[in-house]
Amino acid sequence: MRFVSILMPSKSNMDVMSECAKTLEKFGVKHEVLITSAHRSLERTQAYVKEAESRGAQLFIVGAGMAAHLAGVVAALTTRPVIGVPLNTSPLHGVDALLSTVQMPSGIPVGVMAIGSAGATNSAFLAMQILALEDAELDAKLKEDRILKAKKVEVDSEDIEVRLL
């Protein structure tokens, strides 16, 4: 079974990372969610990544808080794509997580999204675009979603008068 694995370091991150899960659900993409930590539960993280790979995890979406080590540790444990979502969990409002995630050493990449909910949603879309390379049905759903978004812009602008100033 192919699926996307969503990891986060704390239950308090669920409000942001649930946006990722909701987006995957909307498109019928199988996924699972796990709370695990690079620091507080390293052995659990290591065991899960290997086990998830063996069950068909195609890629990992990882909430990255503060020093963002969870995304880096997951990337070190797998050759599957890892997408990091910087979380706004520090006095630096997620900038520390963003910079830590971007600064992975050469050869151990983590794709990095925007900080917070927009990044969580976009991580799901990027994951689906990767999966759609070998899934024509998912590719069609993503294309239809783009068409619907374009139509919404047109509908939303119908009542707006356009004029040069």
N, C-alpha and C. Protein backbone atom coordinates (compact mmCIF):
# COMPACT_ATOMS: atom_id res chain seq x y z
N MET A 1 0.85 -1.19 0.00
CA MET A 1 0.00 0.00 0.00
C MET A 1 0.89 1.25 0.00
N ARG A 2 0.63 2.15 -0.92
CA ARG A 2 1.37 3.41 -0.97
C ARG A 2 0.68 4.43 -0.06
N PHE A 3 1.50 5.18 0.69
CA PHE A 3 0.93 6.21 1.54
C PHE A 3 1.97 7.29 1.84
N VAL A 4 1.47 8.39 2.37
CA VAL A 4 2.31 9.51 2.81
C VAL A 4 2.35 9.46 4.34
N SER A 5 3.53 9.64 4.88
CA SER A 5 3.69 9.66 6.33
C SER A 5 3.85 11.11 6.79
N ILE A 6 3.04 11.50 7.76
CA ILE A 6 3.10 12.85 8.33
C ILE A 6 3.62 12.73 9.76
N LEU A 7 4.74 13.38 10.03
CA LEU A 7 5.35 13.33 11.36
C LEU A 7 5.41 14.73 11.96
N MET A 8 5.30 14.78 13.27
CA MET A 8 5.45 16.06 13.98
C MET A 8 6.00 15.79 15.36
N PRO A 9 6.71 16.76 15.94
CA PRO A 9 7.37 16.52 17.22
C PRO A 9 6.49 16.62 18.45
N SER A 10 5.28 17.15 18.32
CA SER A 10 4.44 17.34 19.49
C SER A 10 2.97 17.39 19.09
N LYS A 11 2.10 16.97 20.00
CA LYS A 11 0.66 17.05 19.76
C LYS A 11 0.22 18.49 19.53
N SER A 12 0.94 19.44 20.11
CA SER A 12 0.58 20.85 19.94
C SER A 12 0.74 21.31 18.49
N ASN A 13 1.43 20.55 17.67
CA ASN A 13 1.61 20.90 16.25
C ASN A 13 0.46 20.41 15.38
N MET A 14 -0.46 19.67 15.97
CA MET A 14 -1.55 19.06 15.20
C MET A 14 -2.42 20.10 14.50
N ASP A 15 -2.63 21.26 15.12
CA ASP A 15 -3.48 22.26 14.48
C ASP A 15 -2.92 22.70 13.13
N VAL A 16 -1.61 22.83 13.01
CA VAL A 16 -0.99 23.20 11.73
C VAL A 16 -0.90 21.99 10.81
N MET A 17 -0.39 20.88 11.30
CA MET A 17 -0.15 19.72 10.45
C MET A 17 -1.44 19.04 10.00
N SER A 18 -2.54 19.31 10.70
CA SER A 18 -3.83 18.75 10.26
C SER A 18 -4.24 19.32 8.91
N GLU A 19 -3.73 20.51 8.56
CA GLU A 19 -4.02 21.08 7.24
C GLU A 19 -3.46 20.19 6.14
N CYS A 20 -2.31 19.62 6.40
CA CYS A 20 -1.70 18.68 5.46
C CYS A 20 -2.59 17.45 5.31
N ALA A 21 -2.99 16.87 6.42
CA ALA A 21 -3.82 15.67 6.40
C ALA A 21 -5.16 15.94 5.70
N LYS A 22 -5.78 17.08 5.99
CA LYS A 22 -7.06 17.42 5.37
C LYS A 22 -6.93 17.52 3.85
N THR A 23 -5.83 18.09 3.40
CA THR A 23 -5.62 18.25 1.96
C THR A 23 -5.44 16.89 1.30
N LEU A 24 -4.66 16.02 1.91
CA LEU A 24 -4.48 14.67 1.36
C LEU A 24 -5.81 13.92 1.34
N GLU A 25 -6.60 14.06 2.41
CA GLU A 25 -7.91 13.40 2.47
C GLU A 25 -8.82 13.87 1.36
N LYS A 26 -8.80 15.16 1.08
CA LYS A 26 -9.65 15.73 0.02
C LYS A 26 -9.39 15.05 -1.33
N PHE A 27 -8.16 14.62 -1.54
CA PHE A 27 -7.79 13.99 -2.81
C PHE A 27 -7.74 12.46 -2.71
N GLY A 28 -8.12 11.93 -1.58
CA GLY A 28 -8.16 10.48 -1.41
C GLY A 28 -6.79 9.83 -1.31
N VAL A 29 -5.81 10.57 -0.83
CA VAL A 29 -4.45 10.04 -0.69
C VAL A 29 -4.30 9.44 0.71
N LYS A 30 -3.93 8.18 0.75
CA LYS A 30 -3.74 7.50 2.02
C LYS A 30 -2.54 8.11 2.76
N HIS A 31 -2.71 8.25 4.07
CA HIS A 31 -1.64 8.83 4.88
C HIS A 31 -1.80 8.35 6.31
N GLU A 32 -0.74 8.52 7.07
CA GLU A 32 -0.82 8.26 8.50
C GLU A 32 -0.04 9.35 9.23
N VAL A 33 -0.38 9.55 10.47
CA VAL A 33 0.19 10.62 11.28
C VAL A 33 0.83 10.02 12.52
N LEU A 34 2.02 10.51 12.85
CA LEU A 34 2.71 10.04 14.05
C LEU A 34 3.36 11.22 14.75
N ILE A 35 3.26 11.23 16.06
CA ILE A 35 4.00 12.19 16.87
C ILE A 35 5.25 11.48 17.35
N THR A 36 6.39 12.06 17.01
CA THR A 36 7.68 11.50 17.41
C THR A 36 8.70 12.63 17.43
N SER A 37 9.78 12.44 18.12
CA SER A 37 10.74 13.52 18.30
C SER A 37 12.15 13.04 18.00
N ALA A 38 12.92 13.91 17.38
CA ALA A 38 14.33 13.61 17.13
C ALA A 38 15.12 13.60 18.44
N HIS A 39 14.64 14.32 19.43
CA HIS A 39 15.37 14.42 20.69
C HIS A 39 14.78 13.54 21.80
N ARG A 40 13.48 13.57 21.94
CA ARG A 40 12.86 12.86 23.07
C ARG A 40 12.53 11.40 22.76
N SER A 41 12.45 11.04 21.49
CA SER A 41 12.13 9.65 21.15
C SER A 41 12.86 9.21 19.87
N LEU A 42 14.16 9.36 19.89
CA LEU A 42 14.96 9.06 18.71
C LEU A 42 14.79 7.62 18.24
N GLU A 43 14.82 6.66 19.15
CA GLU A 43 14.68 5.25 18.76
C GLU A 43 13.32 5.00 18.12
N ARG A 44 12.28 5.62 18.63
CA ARG A 44 10.94 5.49 18.03
C ARG A 44 10.94 6.05 16.61
N THR A 45 11.57 7.20 16.43
CA THR A 45 11.65 7.82 15.11
C THR A 45 12.39 6.91 14.13
N GLN A 46 13.53 6.42 14.53
CA GLN A 46 14.32 5.54 13.67
C GLN A 46 13.55 4.28 13.28
N ALA A 47 12.94 3.64 14.26
CA ALA A 47 12.19 2.40 14.00
C ALA A 47 11.00 2.68 13.07
N TYR A 48 10.30 3.79 13.33
CA TYR A 48 9.13 4.10 12.52
C TYR A 48 9.49 4.34 11.06
N VAL A 49 10.52 5.11 10.79
CA VAL A 49 10.87 5.44 9.41
C VAL A 49 11.17 4.17 8.63
N LYS A 50 11.96 3.29 9.20
CA LYS A 50 12.29 2.03 8.51
C LYS A 50 11.04 1.17 8.31
N GLU A 51 10.22 1.08 9.33
CA GLU A 51 9.00 0.27 9.26
C GLU A 51 8.01 0.86 8.26
N ALA A 52 7.86 2.18 8.26
CA ALA A 52 6.93 2.83 7.34
C ALA A 52 7.38 2.62 5.90
N GLU A 53 8.68 2.73 5.66
CA GLU A 53 9.21 2.45 4.32
C GLU A 53 8.85 1.04 3.87
N SER A 54 9.01 0.08 4.76
CA SER A 54 8.75 -1.32 4.40
C SER A 54 7.27 -1.57 4.12
N ARG A 55 6.39 -0.72 4.67
CA ARG A 55 4.94 -0.84 4.43
C ARG A 55 4.47 -0.03 3.25
N GLY A 56 5.34 0.78 2.64
CA GLY A 56 4.95 1.51 1.44
C GLY A 56 4.93 3.02 1.54
N ALA A 57 5.49 3.58 2.60
CA ALA A 57 5.57 5.05 2.67
C ALA A 57 6.36 5.55 1.47
N GLN A 58 5.74 6.44 0.69
CA GLN A 58 6.37 6.97 -0.50
C GLN A 58 7.18 8.22 -0.21
N LEU A 59 6.74 8.96 0.79
CA LEU A 59 7.47 10.15 1.22
C LEU A 59 7.02 10.55 2.59
N PHE A 60 7.79 11.45 3.20
CA PHE A 60 7.55 11.88 4.56
C PHE A 60 7.37 13.39 4.58
N ILE A 61 6.31 13.84 5.23
CA ILE A 61 6.09 15.25 5.48
C ILE A 61 6.32 15.45 6.97
N VAL A 62 7.23 16.35 7.31
CA VAL A 62 7.69 16.45 8.69
C VAL A 62 7.55 17.87 9.21
N GLY A 63 6.77 18.04 10.26
CA GLY A 63 6.70 19.31 10.96
C GLY A 63 8.04 19.56 11.64
N ALA A 64 8.58 20.75 11.42
CA ALA A 64 9.92 21.06 11.89
C ALA A 64 9.86 22.25 12.84
N GLY A 65 10.01 22.01 14.12
CA GLY A 65 9.96 23.08 15.09
C GLY A 65 11.34 23.50 15.56
N MET A 66 11.46 24.72 15.93
CA MET A 66 12.67 25.31 16.50
C MET A 66 13.93 24.92 15.71
N ALA A 67 14.75 24.03 16.24
CA ALA A 67 15.99 23.65 15.55
C ALA A 67 15.72 22.71 14.39
N ALA A 68 14.50 22.24 14.26
CA ALA A 68 14.03 21.47 13.10
C ALA A 68 14.79 20.17 12.89
N HIS A 69 15.22 19.53 13.93
CA HIS A 69 16.00 18.31 13.78
C HIS A 69 15.19 17.12 13.31
N LEU A 70 13.89 17.09 13.56
CA LEU A 70 13.10 15.92 13.15
C LEU A 70 13.15 15.72 11.64
N ALA A 71 12.97 16.77 10.88
CA ALA A 71 13.02 16.64 9.41
C ALA A 71 14.39 16.15 8.96
N GLY A 72 15.44 16.68 9.55
CA GLY A 72 16.80 16.27 9.19
C GLY A 72 17.10 14.83 9.56
N VAL A 73 16.64 14.41 10.72
CA VAL A 73 16.85 13.02 11.14
C VAL A 73 16.11 12.08 10.20
N VAL A 74 14.88 12.41 9.87
CA VAL A 74 14.12 11.56 8.95
C VAL A 74 14.84 11.49 7.60
N ALA A 75 15.31 12.62 7.11
CA ALA A 75 16.04 12.63 5.83
C ALA A 75 17.30 11.77 5.91
N ALA A 76 17.94 11.74 7.05
CA ALA A 76 19.15 10.93 7.21
C ALA A 76 18.83 9.44 7.22
N LEU A 77 17.58 9.09 7.56
CA LEU A 77 17.19 7.69 7.69
C LEU A 77 16.59 7.08 6.42
N THR A 78 16.29 7.91 5.42
CA THR A 78 15.59 7.40 4.24
C THR A 78 16.10 8.08 2.98
N THR A 79 15.91 7.41 1.87
CA THR A 79 16.18 8.05 0.58
C THR A 79 14.87 8.49 -0.08
N ARG A 80 13.75 8.28 0.61
CA ARG A 80 12.46 8.77 0.12
C ARG A 80 12.43 10.29 0.30
N PRO A 81 11.65 11.00 -0.52
CA PRO A 81 11.57 12.45 -0.35
C PRO A 81 11.05 12.83 1.04
N VAL A 82 11.65 13.87 1.59
CA VAL A 82 11.23 14.44 2.87
C VAL A 82 10.90 15.90 2.64
N ILE A 83 9.71 16.29 3.06
CA ILE A 83 9.25 17.67 2.93
C ILE A 83 9.11 18.24 4.33
N GLY A 84 9.81 19.32 4.62
CA GLY A 84 9.76 19.94 5.94
C GLY A 84 8.77 21.09 5.97
N VAL A 85 8.02 21.16 7.06
CA VAL A 85 7.10 22.26 7.29
C VAL A 85 7.56 22.99 8.55
N PRO A 86 8.19 24.15 8.42
CA PRO A 86 8.61 24.90 9.60
C PRO A 86 7.41 25.31 10.44
N LEU A 87 7.52 25.07 11.73
CA LEU A 87 6.42 25.36 12.65
C LEU A 87 6.73 26.61 13.46
N ASN A 88 5.71 27.40 13.70
CA ASN A 88 5.84 28.64 14.45
C ASN A 88 5.73 28.32 15.94
N THR A 89 6.79 27.73 16.50
CA THR A 89 6.73 27.27 17.89
C THR A 89 7.74 27.97 18.80
N SER A 90 8.36 29.02 18.32
CA SER A 90 9.42 29.64 19.11
C SER A 90 9.24 31.15 19.16
N PRO A 91 10.02 31.81 20.01
CA PRO A 91 9.99 33.28 20.03
C PRO A 91 10.41 33.90 18.69
N LEU A 92 11.06 33.11 17.84
CA LEU A 92 11.48 33.60 16.52
C LEU A 92 10.42 33.37 15.45
N HIS A 93 9.23 32.93 15.85
CA HIS A 93 8.07 32.77 14.97
C HIS A 93 8.31 31.83 13.79
N GLY A 94 9.12 30.80 14.00
CA GLY A 94 9.34 29.80 12.97
C GLY A 94 10.50 30.08 12.03
N VAL A 95 11.09 31.27 12.12
CA VAL A 95 12.22 31.59 11.25
C VAL A 95 13.40 30.67 11.57
N ASP A 96 13.58 30.35 12.85
CA ASP A 96 14.67 29.43 13.23
C ASP A 96 14.45 28.06 12.60
N ALA A 97 13.22 27.57 12.61
CA ALA A 97 12.92 26.26 12.00
C ALA A 97 13.12 26.32 10.49
N LEU A 98 12.70 27.41 9.88
CA LEU A 98 12.89 27.57 8.44
C LEU A 98 14.37 27.52 8.07
N LEU A 99 15.17 28.30 8.76
CA LEU A 99 16.60 28.34 8.44
C LEU A 99 17.29 27.01 8.75
N SER A 100 16.92 26.37 9.85
CA SER A 100 17.52 25.08 10.18
C SER A 100 17.18 24.03 9.13
N THR A 101 15.97 24.05 8.64
CA THR A 101 15.53 23.05 7.67
C THR A 101 16.18 23.29 6.31
N VAL A 102 16.33 24.52 5.93
CA VAL A 102 16.96 24.86 4.66
C VAL A 102 18.44 24.48 4.66
N GLN A 103 19.09 24.53 5.80
CA GLN A 103 20.53 24.34 5.88
C GLN A 103 20.95 22.89 6.06
N MET A 104 20.31 21.97 5.37
CA MET A 104 20.71 20.56 5.44
C MET A 104 22.04 20.37 4.72
N PRO A 105 22.86 19.41 5.20
CA PRO A 105 24.13 19.17 4.53
C PRO A 105 23.94 18.58 3.13
N SER A 106 24.88 18.84 2.28
CA SER A 106 24.84 18.35 0.91
C SER A 106 24.62 16.85 0.87
N GLY A 107 23.68 16.42 0.06
CA GLY A 107 23.40 14.99 -0.10
C GLY A 107 22.30 14.45 0.79
N ILE A 108 21.81 15.24 1.74
CA ILE A 108 20.71 14.83 2.63
C ILE A 108 19.63 15.92 2.53
N PRO A 109 18.90 15.95 1.41
CA PRO A 109 17.96 17.06 1.20
C PRO A 109 16.66 16.94 1.98
N VAL A 110 16.13 18.10 2.31
CA VAL A 110 14.77 18.24 2.82
C VAL A 110 14.15 19.37 2.02
N GLY A 111 13.07 19.08 1.31
CA GLY A 111 12.33 20.15 0.63
C GLY A 111 11.63 20.97 1.69
N VAL A 112 11.64 22.28 1.57
CA VAL A 112 11.13 23.15 2.63
C VAL A 112 9.98 24.00 2.14
N MET A 113 8.92 24.01 2.91
CA MET A 113 7.74 24.81 2.61
C MET A 113 7.74 26.10 3.45
N ALA A 114 6.70 26.86 3.31
CA ALA A 114 6.53 28.08 4.10
C ALA A 114 6.25 27.73 5.56
N ILE A 115 6.42 28.68 6.42
CA ILE A 115 6.15 28.51 7.85
C ILE A 115 4.64 28.39 8.06
N GLY A 116 4.23 27.41 8.87
CA GLY A 116 2.85 27.32 9.33
C GLY A 116 1.87 26.62 8.40
N SER A 117 0.60 27.01 8.52
CA SER A 117 -0.50 26.32 7.84
C SER A 117 -0.38 26.32 6.32
N ALA A 118 0.05 27.43 5.74
CA ALA A 118 0.21 27.47 4.28
C ALA A 118 1.26 26.45 3.86
N GLY A 119 2.33 26.34 4.62
CA GLY A 119 3.35 25.35 4.32
C GLY A 119 2.84 23.93 4.47
N ALA A 120 2.00 23.70 5.48
CA ALA A 120 1.43 22.36 5.68
C ALA A 120 0.53 21.98 4.50
N THR A 121 -0.30 22.92 4.06
CA THR A 121 -1.16 22.65 2.91
C THR A 121 -0.32 22.41 1.66
N ASN A 122 0.66 23.27 1.42
CA ASN A 122 1.50 23.12 0.23
C ASN A 122 2.35 21.86 0.28
N SER A 123 2.71 21.40 1.47
CA SER A 123 3.47 20.15 1.57
C SER A 123 2.64 19.00 1.03
N ALA A 124 1.34 19.02 1.30
CA ALA A 124 0.45 17.98 0.78
C ALA A 124 0.36 18.07 -0.74
N PHE A 125 0.25 19.28 -1.27
CA PHE A 125 0.19 19.42 -2.72
C PHE A 125 1.48 18.98 -3.39
N LEU A 126 2.62 19.33 -2.81
CA LEU A 126 3.90 18.89 -3.39
C LEU A 126 4.02 17.37 -3.33
N ALA A 127 3.62 16.80 -2.21
CA ALA A 127 3.65 15.33 -2.09
C ALA A 127 2.78 14.69 -3.16
N MET A 128 1.59 15.24 -3.38
CA MET A 128 0.70 14.67 -4.40
C MET A 128 1.26 14.86 -5.80
N GLN A 129 1.93 15.97 -6.06
CA GLN A 129 2.54 16.16 -7.37
C GLN A 129 3.64 15.12 -7.60
N ILE A 130 4.37 14.79 -6.57
CA ILE A 130 5.40 13.75 -6.68
C ILE A 130 4.73 12.40 -6.96
N LEU A 131 3.70 12.07 -6.20
CA LEU A 131 2.99 10.81 -6.39
C LEU A 131 2.32 10.74 -7.76
N ALA A 132 1.84 11.88 -8.24
CA ALA A 132 1.13 11.92 -9.52
C ALA A 132 2.04 11.63 -10.71
N LEU A 133 3.33 11.65 -10.52
CA LEU A 133 4.24 11.28 -11.60
C LEU A 133 3.98 9.85 -12.07
N GLU A 134 3.48 9.02 -11.16
CA GLU A 134 3.18 7.63 -11.49
C GLU A 134 1.73 7.26 -11.20
N ASP A 135 0.86 8.25 -11.10
CA ASP A 135 -0.54 8.00 -10.78
C ASP A 135 -1.41 8.95 -11.61
N ALA A 136 -1.87 8.46 -12.75
CA ALA A 136 -2.63 9.30 -13.68
C ALA A 136 -3.93 9.81 -13.06
N GLU A 137 -4.57 9.01 -12.22
CA GLU A 137 -5.82 9.43 -11.59
C GLU A 137 -5.59 10.62 -10.66
N LEU A 138 -4.53 10.56 -9.87
CA LEU A 138 -4.21 11.67 -8.96
C LEU A 138 -3.81 12.90 -9.77
N ASP A 139 -3.07 12.70 -10.85
CA ASP A 139 -2.68 13.81 -11.72
C ASP A 139 -3.92 14.51 -12.26
N ALA A 140 -4.91 13.74 -12.68
CA ALA A 140 -6.16 14.32 -13.20
C ALA A 140 -6.88 15.12 -12.11
N LYS A 141 -6.89 14.59 -10.89
CA LYS A 141 -7.54 15.31 -9.78
C LYS A 141 -6.84 16.64 -9.50
N LEU A 142 -5.51 16.64 -9.55
CA LEU A 142 -4.76 17.88 -9.31
C LEU A 142 -5.03 18.90 -10.42
N LYS A 143 -5.11 18.43 -11.66
CA LYS A 143 -5.41 19.34 -12.77
C LYS A 143 -6.81 19.92 -12.63
N GLU A 144 -7.77 19.10 -12.23
CA GLU A 144 -9.14 19.57 -12.02
C GLU A 144 -9.18 20.60 -10.89
N ASP A 145 -8.42 20.39 -9.85
CA ASP A 145 -8.35 21.34 -8.74
C ASP A 145 -7.84 22.70 -9.22
N ARG A 146 -6.84 22.69 -10.09
CA ARG A 146 -6.30 23.94 -10.63
C ARG A 146 -7.37 24.66 -11.45
N ILE A 147 -8.14 23.91 -12.24
CA ILE A 147 -9.21 24.51 -13.05
C ILE A 147 -10.25 25.14 -12.14
N LEU A 148 -10.63 24.44 -11.08
CA LEU A 148 -11.62 24.97 -10.13
C LEU A 148 -11.11 26.24 -9.44
N LYS A 149 -9.82 26.25 -9.10
CA LYS A 149 -9.24 27.45 -8.45
C LYS A 149 -9.26 28.63 -9.42
N ALA A 150 -8.96 28.39 -10.68
CA ALA A 150 -8.98 29.46 -11.68
C ALA A 150 -10.41 30.00 -11.85
N LYS A 151 -11.38 29.10 -11.88
CA LYS A 151 -12.78 29.52 -12.01
C LYS A 151 -13.23 30.34 -10.80
N LYS A 152 -12.76 29.97 -9.62
CA LYS A 152 -13.11 30.72 -8.41
C LYS A 152 -12.60 32.15 -8.49
N VAL A 153 -11.40 32.33 -9.01
CA VAL A 153 -10.86 33.68 -9.18
C VAL A 153 -11.77 34.49 -10.12
N GLU A 154 -12.20 33.87 -11.19
CA GLU A 154 -13.08 34.55 -12.15
C GLU A 154 -14.41 34.93 -11.49
N VAL A 155 -15.00 34.00 -10.75
CA VAL A 155 -16.27 34.26 -10.08
C VAL A 155 -16.10 35.35 -9.03
N ASP A 156 -15.03 35.27 -8.26
CA ASP A 156 -14.79 36.27 -7.22
C ASP A 156 -14.58 37.67 -7.80
N SER A 157 -14.14 37.75 -9.04
CA SER A 157 -13.85 39.06 -9.62
C SER A 157 -15.01 39.61 -10.45
N GLU A 158 -16.09 38.87 -10.57
CA GLU A 158 -17.21 39.32 -11.40
C GLU A 158 -17.82 40.63 -10.92
N ASP A 159 -17.85 40.85 -9.63
CA ASP A 159 -18.48 42.05 -9.09
C ASP A 159 -17.50 43.22 -8.96
N ILE A 160 -16.28 43.04 -9.38
CA ILE A 160 -15.27 44.08 -9.24
C ILE A 160 -15.18 44.86 -10.54
N GLU A 161 -15.30 46.16 -10.40
CA GLU A 161 -15.20 47.03 -11.58
C GLU A 161 -13.72 47.25 -11.88
N VAL A 162 -13.33 47.00 -13.09
CA VAL A 162 -11.95 47.21 -13.49
C VAL A 162 -11.84 48.56 -14.20
N ARG A 163 -10.94 49.40 -13.71
CA ARG A 163 -10.74 50.70 -14.38
C ARG A 163 -9.32 51.17 -14.13
N LEU A 164 -8.84 51.92 -15.05
CA LEU A 164 -7.51 52.50 -14.91
C LEU A 164 -7.58 53.70 -14.00
N LEU A 165 -6.56 53.85 -13.19
CA LEU A 165 -6.54 55.01 -12.29
C LEU A 165 -5.55 56.02 -12.78
